[in-house]
Each structure stands twice: as C-alpha cells, then as structure tokens.
C-alpha cells in the first residue's frame, strides 16, 4: 500500500463510525446511510491527493454525505411520500425509552436541508460557521434553517421532550 492509500485507510478506520452516524441521521435509514457513506468514501478516495492536503478531510466527507442525502431526497420526491407524524395524545417524557424513535420520525419529516443543519449542529456539535462551511452556505442560512427546523420539531414533539431528547442523544 502506498502512503496515500495508507493515510486514507487510517482515516477511514478512525472516522467511519462517526461518518456513518452523520449519514444515518441525514437520511434516517441504515441501509441508505451505508450507501451514502460508501459513495462519499469512494469520492474522497478518488480525490484523496487534493483532500488530504488539508489538515482535516472529515468536513469534506461530511459535505459529500449531506449533499448526497439531499440529492437523493430530491430525486425520490421524498416530500410527497413522507407520512405526516401525529404527536402522541400526551407528551413523551425525556426518560421514555421510545423517545429516540419518536425523535427520529420527526427528524425524517424535516426537509433534507433542515435535517442536515440539525444533524450537524446538535448531533455533531459543529458551530454555526462549521455547519455553514460543510453545507456551503452562509451562517445566516444555517441560523434560519435551524430555527425553522426546531420550530417544526417542537410542534411535532412538544417543547419538553425535544430538549430532553437532544441531551439524551449525546449520552
């Protein structure tokens, strides 16, 4: 194995799990997340000489994953086939074992761009500037998309369960 291949292999070995989590949260489906990650790593490998010259190639791979997830959602006209989430009669408690499932359903109902912002900001703990860089947009766009997405999530889940779910997701 050459030095570049070794570097790429080391990068994949150390960051694949984190990148798979980003892919899963971006699309909401395990199989599709694996496909997204595979395609992103393939593209990264083809451009490794250019990508590896930066200090950290992970933002490049995240951006490829997010852009691919958004493109796939558009191609499939996913907006017309996503079932609308009906909130439960009583709000779920933060300690409810099914809360993560409910949160994932609400996350899947968001438009792809808003979902990407929520995943990068709150699951990956990126700053607004880092999220804007990954998505290739302005910081103001990240702020407005996050605000709209959080409003939709609060509406679907109720305020208390959302705050607890975000904290529990990091645990």
C-alpha atoms as a PDB file:
ATOM      1  CA  UNK A   1       0.000   0.000   0.000  1.00  0.00           C
ATOM      2  CA  UNK A   2       1.337   3.445  -0.880  1.00  0.00           C
ATOM      3  CA  UNK A   3       1.495   6.290   1.633  1.00  0.00           C
ATOM      4  CA  UNK A   4      -1.688   7.945   0.314  1.00  0.00           C
ATOM      5  CA  UNK A   5      -3.627   4.675   0.466  1.00  0.00           C
ATOM      6  CA  UNK A   6      -2.342   4.056   3.989  1.00  0.00           C
ATOM      7  CA  UNK A   7      -3.383   7.573   5.067  1.00  0.00           C
ATOM      8  CA  UNK A   8      -6.838   7.071   3.547  1.00  0.00           C
ATOM      9  CA  UNK A   9      -7.178   3.675   5.243  1.00  0.00           C
ATOM     10  CA  UNK A  10      -6.189   5.157   8.577  1.00  0.00           C
ATOM     11  CA  UNK A  11      -8.680   7.994   8.111  1.00  0.00           C
ATOM     12  CA  UNK A  12     -11.495   5.541   7.328  1.00  0.00           C
ATOM     13  CA  UNK A  13     -10.551   3.298  10.254  1.00  0.00           C
ATOM     14  CA  UNK A  14     -10.704   6.169  12.737  1.00  0.00           C
ATOM     15  CA  UNK A  15     -13.672   8.174  11.406  1.00  0.00           C
ATOM     16  CA  UNK A  16     -16.012   5.662   9.694  1.00  0.00           C
ATOM     17  CA  UNK A  17     -18.319   5.198  12.696  1.00  0.00           C
ATOM     18  CA  UNK A  18     -18.791   8.925  13.192  1.00  0.00           C
ATOM     19  CA  UNK A  19     -19.354   9.459   9.473  1.00  0.00           C
ATOM     20  CA  UNK A  20     -21.871   6.603   9.341  1.00  0.00           C
ATOM     21  CA  UNK A  21     -23.780   8.283  12.185  1.00  0.00           C
ATOM     22  CA  UNK A  22     -23.883  11.529  10.174  1.00  0.00           C
ATOM     23  CA  UNK A  23     -25.137   9.625   7.131  1.00  0.00           C
ATOM     24  CA  UNK A  24     -27.794   7.817   9.160  1.00  0.00           C
ATOM     25  CA  UNK A  25     -29.051  10.995  10.776  1.00  0.00           C
ATOM     26  CA  UNK A  26     -29.050  12.756   7.409  1.00  0.00           C
ATOM     27  CA  UNK A  27     -31.211  10.137   5.699  1.00  0.00           C
ATOM     28  CA  UNK A  28     -32.902   8.194   8.520  1.00  0.00           C
ATOM     29  CA  UNK A  29     -32.310   4.737   7.026  1.00  0.00           C
ATOM     30  CA  UNK A  30     -29.475   2.386   7.971  1.00  0.00           C
ATOM     31  CA  UNK A  31     -29.065   0.804   4.536  1.00  0.00           C
ATOM     32  CA  UNK A  32     -29.192   4.125   2.730  1.00  0.00           C
ATOM     33  CA  UNK A  33     -26.740   5.584   5.259  1.00  0.00           C
ATOM     34  CA  UNK A  34     -24.274   2.808   4.470  1.00  0.00           C
ATOM     35  CA  UNK A  35     -24.708   3.525   0.746  1.00  0.00           C
ATOM     36  CA  UNK A  36     -24.199   7.253   1.316  1.00  0.00           C
ATOM     37  CA  UNK A  37     -21.047   6.649   3.327  1.00  0.00           C
ATOM     38  CA  UNK A  38     -19.684   4.218   0.746  1.00  0.00           C
ATOM     39  CA  UNK A  39     -20.289   6.693  -2.082  1.00  0.00           C
ATOM     40  CA  UNK A  40     -18.744   9.531  -0.058  1.00  0.00           C
ATOM     41  CA  UNK A  41     -15.658   7.477   0.764  1.00  0.00           C
ATOM     42  CA  UNK A  42     -15.320   6.417  -2.869  1.00  0.00           C
ATOM     43  CA  UNK A  43     -15.436  10.046  -3.999  1.00  0.00           C
ATOM     44  CA  UNK A  44     -12.997  11.022  -1.260  1.00  0.00           C
ATOM     45  CA  UNK A  45     -10.576   8.284  -2.268  1.00  0.00           C
ATOM     46  CA  UNK A  46     -10.648   9.437  -5.900  1.00  0.00           C
ATOM     47  CA  UNK A  47      -9.769  12.961  -4.712  1.00  0.00           C
ATOM     48  CA  UNK A  48      -7.556  11.944  -1.781  1.00  0.00           C
ATOM     49  CA  UNK A  49      -4.440  13.773  -3.021  1.00  0.00           C
ATOM     50  CA  UNK A  50      -6.398  17.050  -3.084  1.00  0.00           C
ATOM     51  CA  UNK A  51      -8.451  16.366   0.078  1.00  0.00           C
ATOM     52  CA  UNK A  52      -5.573  15.066   2.212  1.00  0.00           C
ATOM     53  CA  UNK A  53      -3.520  18.233   1.775  1.00  0.00           C
ATOM     54  CA  UNK A  54      -5.932  19.957   4.202  1.00  0.00           C
ATOM     55  CA  UNK A  55      -5.447  19.453   7.919  1.00  0.00           C
ATOM     56  CA  UNK A  56      -8.702  17.532   8.347  1.00  0.00           C
ATOM     57  CA  UNK A  57     -10.516  15.759   5.482  1.00  0.00           C
ATOM     58  CA  UNK A  58     -13.587  14.988   7.607  1.00  0.00           C
ATOM     59  CA  UNK A  59     -15.511  18.194   6.737  1.00  0.00           C
ATOM     60  CA  UNK A  60     -15.125  17.325   3.050  1.00  0.00           C
ATOM     61  CA  UNK A  61     -16.575  13.845   3.602  1.00  0.00           C
ATOM     62  CA  UNK A  62     -19.431  15.250   5.737  1.00  0.00           C
ATOM     63  CA  UNK A  63     -20.284  17.686   2.980  1.00  0.00           C
ATOM     64  CA  UNK A  64     -20.306  14.907   0.374  1.00  0.00           C
ATOM     65  CA  UNK A  65     -22.620  12.849   2.613  1.00  0.00           C
ATOM     66  CA  UNK A  66     -25.014  15.720   3.286  1.00  0.00           C
ATOM     67  CA  UNK A  67     -25.129  16.810  -0.366  1.00  0.00           C
ATOM     68  CA  UNK A  68     -25.742  13.221  -1.493  1.00  0.00           C
ATOM     69  CA  UNK A  69     -28.541  12.789   1.058  1.00  0.00           C
ATOM     70  CA  UNK A  70     -30.203  15.993  -0.105  1.00  0.00           C
ATOM     71  CA  UNK A  71     -29.852  14.999  -3.762  1.00  0.00           C
ATOM     72  CA  UNK A  72     -31.311  11.539  -3.138  1.00  0.00           C
ATOM     73  CA  UNK A  73     -34.241  13.038  -1.284  1.00  0.00           C
ATOM     74  CA  UNK A  74     -34.948  15.390  -4.160  1.00  0.00           C
ATOM     75  CA  UNK A  75     -34.641  12.646  -6.766  1.00  0.00           C
ATOM     76  CA  UNK A  76     -37.109  10.436  -4.958  1.00  0.00           C
ATOM     77  CA  UNK A  77     -39.565  13.262  -4.414  1.00  0.00           C
ATOM     78  CA  UNK A  78     -39.498  12.262  -0.776  1.00  0.00           C
ATOM     79  CA  UNK A  79     -41.583  15.242   0.243  1.00  0.00           C
ATOM     80  CA  UNK A  80     -44.662  13.638  -1.263  1.00  0.00           C
ATOM     81  CA  UNK A  81     -44.206  10.218   0.370  1.00  0.00           C
ATOM     82  CA  UNK A  82     -43.138  11.065   3.935  1.00  0.00           C
ATOM     83  CA  UNK A  83     -46.052  10.251   6.234  1.00  0.00           C
ATOM     84  CA  UNK A  84     -47.074  13.079   8.500  1.00  0.00           C
ATOM     85  CA  UNK A  85     -46.190  12.479  12.118  1.00  0.00           C
ATOM     86  CA  UNK A  86     -49.054  12.656  14.599  1.00  0.00           C
ATOM     87  CA  UNK A  87     -47.906  13.679  18.060  1.00  0.00           C
ATOM     88  CA  UNK A  88     -48.974  11.403  20.909  1.00  0.00           C
ATOM     89  CA  UNK A  89     -52.011  12.337  22.993  1.00  0.00           C
ATOM     90  CA  UNK A  90     -49.738  13.089  25.945  1.00  0.00           C
ATOM     91  CA  UNK A  91     -46.197  14.388  25.540  1.00  0.00           C
ATOM     92  CA  UNK A  92     -43.431  11.830  25.914  1.00  0.00           C
ATOM     93  CA  UNK A  93     -41.113  12.181  28.901  1.00  0.00           C
ATOM     94  CA  UNK A  94     -37.368  12.637  28.371  1.00  0.00           C
ATOM     95  CA  UNK A  95     -36.793   9.271  30.074  1.00  0.00           C
ATOM     96  CA  UNK A  96     -39.247   7.468  27.751  1.00  0.00           C
ATOM     97  CA  UNK A  97     -37.386   4.571  26.035  1.00  0.00           C
ATOM     98  CA  UNK A  98     -39.287   5.161  22.787  1.00  0.00           C
ATOM     99  CA  UNK A  99     -38.344   8.832  22.649  1.00  0.00           C
ATOM    100  CA  UNK A 100     -35.410   8.302  20.310  1.00  0.00           C
ATOM    101  CA  UNK A 101     -37.700   6.503  17.856  1.00  0.00           C
ATOM    102  CA  UNK A 102     -40.229   9.342  18.038  1.00  0.00           C
ATOM    103  CA  UNK A 103     -37.463  11.893  17.578  1.00  0.00           C
ATOM    104  CA  UNK A 104     -36.105  10.021  14.523  1.00  0.00           C
ATOM    105  CA  UNK A 105     -39.579  10.001  12.939  1.00  0.00           C
ATOM    106  CA  UNK A 106     -39.882  13.749  13.492  1.00  0.00           C
ATOM    107  CA  UNK A 107     -36.354  14.258  12.132  1.00  0.00           C
ATOM    108  CA  UNK A 108     -37.208  12.243   8.997  1.00  0.00           C
ATOM    109  CA  UNK A 109     -40.199  14.517   8.410  1.00  0.00           C
ATOM    110  CA  UNK A 110     -37.960  17.588   8.105  1.00  0.00           C
ATOM    111  CA  UNK A 111     -36.855  18.774   4.663  1.00  0.00           C
ATOM    112  CA  UNK A 112     -33.349  17.462   3.857  1.00  0.00           C
ATOM    113  CA  UNK A 113     -31.575  20.806   4.277  1.00  0.00           C
ATOM    114  CA  UNK A 114     -33.151  21.453   7.691  1.00  0.00           C
ATOM    115  CA  UNK A 115     -32.395  17.878   8.752  1.00  0.00           C
ATOM    116  CA  UNK A 116     -28.769  18.367   7.706  1.00  0.00           C
ATOM    117  CA  UNK A 117     -28.488  21.534   9.807  1.00  0.00           C
ATOM    118  CA  UNK A 118     -29.983  19.831  12.879  1.00  0.00           C
ATOM    119  CA  UNK A 119     -27.693  16.801  12.498  1.00  0.00           C
ATOM    120  CA  UNK A 120     -24.552  18.878  12.065  1.00  0.00           C
ATOM    121  CA  UNK A 121     -25.364  21.461  14.753  1.00  0.00           C
ATOM    122  CA  UNK A 122     -26.846  19.284  17.503  1.00  0.00           C
ATOM    123  CA  UNK A 123     -25.574  15.752  16.946  1.00  0.00           C
ATOM    124  CA  UNK A 124     -22.154  16.573  15.575  1.00  0.00           C
ATOM    125  CA  UNK A 125     -21.801  19.687  17.784  1.00  0.00           C
ATOM    126  CA  UNK A 126     -20.470  21.815  14.941  1.00  0.00           C
ATOM    127  CA  UNK A 127     -20.567  25.582  15.278  1.00  0.00           C
ATOM    128  CA  UNK A 128     -22.795  27.622  13.005  1.00  0.00           C
ATOM    129  CA  UNK A 129     -19.715  28.597  10.979  1.00  0.00           C
ATOM    130  CA  UNK A 130     -18.555  24.981  10.647  1.00  0.00           C
ATOM    131  CA  UNK A 131     -22.057  23.876   9.641  1.00  0.00           C
ATOM    132  CA  UNK A 132     -22.197  26.645   7.044  1.00  0.00           C
ATOM    133  CA  UNK A 133     -18.844  25.524   5.687  1.00  0.00           C
ATOM    134  CA  UNK A 134     -19.950  21.883   5.410  1.00  0.00           C
ATOM    135  CA  UNK A 135     -23.198  22.864   3.674  1.00  0.00           C
ATOM    136  CA  UNK A 136     -21.602  25.544   1.520  1.00  0.00           C
ATOM    137  CA  UNK A 137     -23.963  28.288   2.635  1.00  0.00           C
ATOM    138  CA  UNK A 138     -23.980  31.433   4.756  1.00  0.00           C
ATOM    139  CA  UNK A 139     -24.080  31.370   8.560  1.00  0.00           C
ATOM    140  CA  UNK A 140     -27.405  33.230   8.377  1.00  0.00           C
ATOM    141  CA  UNK A 141     -28.850  30.380   6.318  1.00  0.00           C
ATOM    142  CA  UNK A 142     -27.756  27.891   8.980  1.00  0.00           C
ATOM    143  CA  UNK A 143     -29.415  30.018  11.665  1.00  0.00           C
ATOM    144  CA  UNK A 144     -32.698  30.352   9.765  1.00  0.00           C
ATOM    145  CA  UNK A 145     -32.801  26.673   8.785  1.00  0.00           C
ATOM    146  CA  UNK A 146     -32.073  25.640  12.393  1.00  0.00           C
ATOM    147  CA  UNK A 147     -34.784  27.951  13.679  1.00  0.00           C
ATOM    148  CA  UNK A 148     -37.366  26.617  11.223  1.00  0.00           C
ATOM    149  CA  UNK A 149     -36.380  23.007  11.902  1.00  0.00           C
ATOM    150  CA  UNK A 150     -36.516  23.441  15.691  1.00  0.00           C
ATOM    151  CA  UNK A 151     -39.962  25.056  15.376  1.00  0.00           C
ATOM    152  CA  UNK A 152     -41.185  22.076  13.348  1.00  0.00           C
ATOM    153  CA  UNK A 153     -39.675  19.621  15.819  1.00  0.00           C
ATOM    154  CA  UNK A 154     -41.179  21.472  18.785  1.00  0.00           C
ATOM    155  CA  UNK A 155     -44.542  21.473  17.059  1.00  0.00           C
ATOM    156  CA  UNK A 156     -44.331  17.742  16.364  1.00  0.00           C
ATOM    157  CA  UNK A 157     -42.908  16.700  19.728  1.00  0.00           C
ATOM    158  CA  UNK A 158     -43.737  19.382  22.223  1.00  0.00           C
ATOM    159  CA  UNK A 159     -41.041  21.532  23.847  1.00  0.00           C
ATOM    160  CA  UNK A 160     -40.061  19.356  26.858  1.00  0.00           C
ATOM    161  CA  UNK A 161     -39.430  16.066  25.020  1.00  0.00           C
ATOM    162  CA  UNK A 162     -37.290  17.794  22.375  1.00  0.00           C
ATOM    163  CA  UNK A 163     -34.954  19.398  24.906  1.00  0.00           C
ATOM    164  CA  UNK A 164     -34.502  16.074  26.726  1.00  0.00           C
ATOM    165  CA  UNK A 165     -34.062  14.085  23.521  1.00  0.00           C
ATOM    166  CA  UNK A 166     -31.257  16.263  22.285  1.00  0.00           C
ATOM    167  CA  UNK A 167     -29.460  15.925  25.623  1.00  0.00           C
ATOM    168  CA  UNK A 168     -30.102  12.132  25.723  1.00  0.00           C
ATOM    169  CA  UNK A 169     -28.831  11.676  22.161  1.00  0.00           C
ATOM    170  CA  UNK A 170     -25.369  12.779  23.267  1.00  0.00           C
ATOM    171  CA  UNK A 171     -25.282  10.312  26.167  1.00  0.00           C
END
